[in-house]
Amino acid sequence: MTVLDPHAHVVSVTDAAKSGLPKLLRDAENGADVIVERHGRAVAAVVSMRHLEEIQRLETDLRETALLLSRAATDTGHRTGLDEVLSALGLDRAELEAELDDDLAAGCG
């Protein structure tokens, strides 16, 4: 499914109001994208829930792809271990584990 149907039905706000909401919804349910224009400029679209979900899925895929490409382009290969981070923060793994054990025993975890 394409994001924007090149054969979408275009109606003016006036015509949309005349035909009524039930017709716009029926058209969308039947798979037609309806573009509503005001003064020749698209201001709204009525699409089926299936089409909206597909658009949202594609948006998520695009966002994840952009993140992946960004990470691939900037990855130096350097990795920082947990112990190195803890040390830089002045923390000790044994103390943190003991604190976590105490929290779990107290029902806080």
Protein backbone atom coordinates (compact mmCIF):
# COMPACT_ATOMS: atom_id res chain seq x y z
CA MET A 1 0.00 0.00 0.00
CA THR A 2 1.30 3.43 -0.87
CA VAL A 3 1.29 6.15 1.75
CA LEU A 4 -0.52 8.59 -0.52
CA ASP A 5 -2.93 7.11 -3.02
CA PRO A 6 -2.32 8.90 -6.33
CA HIS A 7 -5.98 8.25 -7.15
CA ALA A 8 -7.34 9.68 -3.89
CA HIS A 9 -10.74 11.25 -4.17
CA VAL A 10 -10.44 15.03 -3.72
CA VAL A 11 -13.39 17.05 -2.46
CA SER A 12 -13.84 20.61 -1.32
CA VAL A 13 -14.89 21.36 2.24
CA THR A 14 -18.24 22.53 0.84
CA ASP A 15 -18.79 19.29 -1.12
CA ALA A 16 -17.71 17.21 1.87
CA ALA A 17 -20.23 19.01 4.05
CA LYS A 18 -22.96 18.50 1.44
CA SER A 19 -22.29 14.78 1.02
CA GLY A 20 -22.00 14.32 4.78
CA LEU A 21 -19.72 12.48 7.14
CA PRO A 22 -21.36 9.06 6.66
CA LYS A 23 -20.42 9.06 2.95
CA LEU A 24 -16.82 10.09 3.68
CA LEU A 25 -16.55 7.32 6.28
CA ARG A 26 -18.11 4.74 3.95
CA ASP A 27 -15.64 5.69 1.20
CA ALA A 28 -12.72 5.35 3.62
CA GLU A 29 -14.00 2.01 4.91
CA ASN A 30 -14.15 0.83 1.30
CA GLY A 31 -10.47 1.69 0.87
CA ALA A 32 -10.72 5.11 -0.78
CA ASP A 33 -8.52 7.90 0.50
CA VAL A 34 -10.47 11.15 0.57
CA ILE A 35 -8.56 14.43 0.48
CA VAL A 36 -10.51 17.48 1.65
CA GLU A 37 -9.43 20.82 0.21
CA ARG A 38 -10.16 24.39 1.24
CA HIS A 39 -9.48 27.03 -1.43
CA GLY A 40 -7.59 24.42 -3.49
CA ARG A 41 -5.25 23.47 -0.63
CA ALA A 42 -5.40 20.04 1.01
CA VAL A 43 -6.34 20.48 4.66
CA ALA A 44 -7.43 17.00 5.76
CA ALA A 45 -7.58 13.38 4.73
CA VAL A 46 -10.07 10.67 5.58
CA VAL A 47 -8.47 7.22 5.47
CA SER A 48 -9.40 3.79 6.74
CA MET A 49 -8.00 2.57 10.05
CA ARG A 50 -6.11 -0.10 8.10
CA HIS A 51 -4.41 2.59 6.03
CA LEU A 52 -3.66 4.73 9.10
CA GLU A 53 -2.08 1.74 10.86
CA GLU A 54 0.05 1.07 7.77
CA ILE A 55 1.19 4.71 7.72
CA GLN A 56 2.08 4.49 11.43
CA ARG A 57 4.00 1.24 10.84
CA LEU A 58 5.92 2.82 7.97
CA GLU A 59 6.70 5.86 10.14
CA THR A 60 8.08 3.58 12.87
CA ASP A 61 10.14 1.64 10.31
CA LEU A 62 11.54 4.88 8.89
CA ARG A 63 12.43 6.19 12.35
CA GLU A 64 14.18 2.92 13.26
CA THR A 65 16.05 2.86 9.94
CA ALA A 66 17.25 6.43 10.45
CA LEU A 67 18.49 5.53 13.94
CA LEU A 68 20.27 2.42 12.63
CA LEU A 69 21.94 4.38 9.83
CA SER A 70 22.96 7.13 12.25
CA ARG A 71 24.50 4.60 14.61
CA ALA A 72 26.29 2.81 11.77
CA ALA A 73 27.70 6.10 10.47
CA THR A 74 29.01 7.23 13.88
CA ASP A 75 30.09 3.92 15.48
CA THR A 76 33.81 3.97 16.28
CA GLY A 77 33.82 0.41 17.56
CA HIS A 78 34.83 1.52 21.06
CA ARG A 79 32.83 -0.15 23.81
CA THR A 80 32.80 0.77 27.51
CA GLY A 81 32.42 -2.00 30.06
CA LEU A 82 30.12 -1.77 33.06
CA ASP A 83 32.99 -1.89 35.54
CA GLU A 84 34.68 1.02 33.77
CA VAL A 85 31.49 3.10 33.97
CA LEU A 86 30.97 2.23 37.64
CA SER A 87 34.54 3.20 38.42
CA ALA A 88 34.17 6.52 36.58
CA LEU A 89 31.07 7.24 38.68
CA GLY A 90 32.88 6.31 41.89
CA LEU A 91 30.70 3.25 42.42
CA ASP A 92 31.58 -0.30 43.36
CA ARG A 93 29.82 -3.32 41.85
CA ALA A 94 29.82 -5.24 45.16
CA GLU A 95 28.23 -2.31 47.02
CA LEU A 96 25.56 -1.90 44.34
CA GLU A 97 24.76 -5.62 44.39
CA ALA A 98 24.50 -5.56 48.19
CA GLU A 99 22.19 -2.54 48.01
CA LEU A 100 20.03 -4.30 45.42
CA ASP A 101 19.88 -7.43 47.58
CA ASP A 102 18.79 -5.30 50.56
CA ASP A 103 16.09 -3.59 48.45
CA LEU A 104 14.81 -6.93 47.18
CA ALA A 105 14.74 -8.36 50.68
CA ALA A 106 12.75 -5.32 51.85
CA GLY A 107 10.28 -5.78 48.99
CA CYS A 108 11.34 -2.61 47.19
CA GLY A 109 12.34 -4.23 43.91
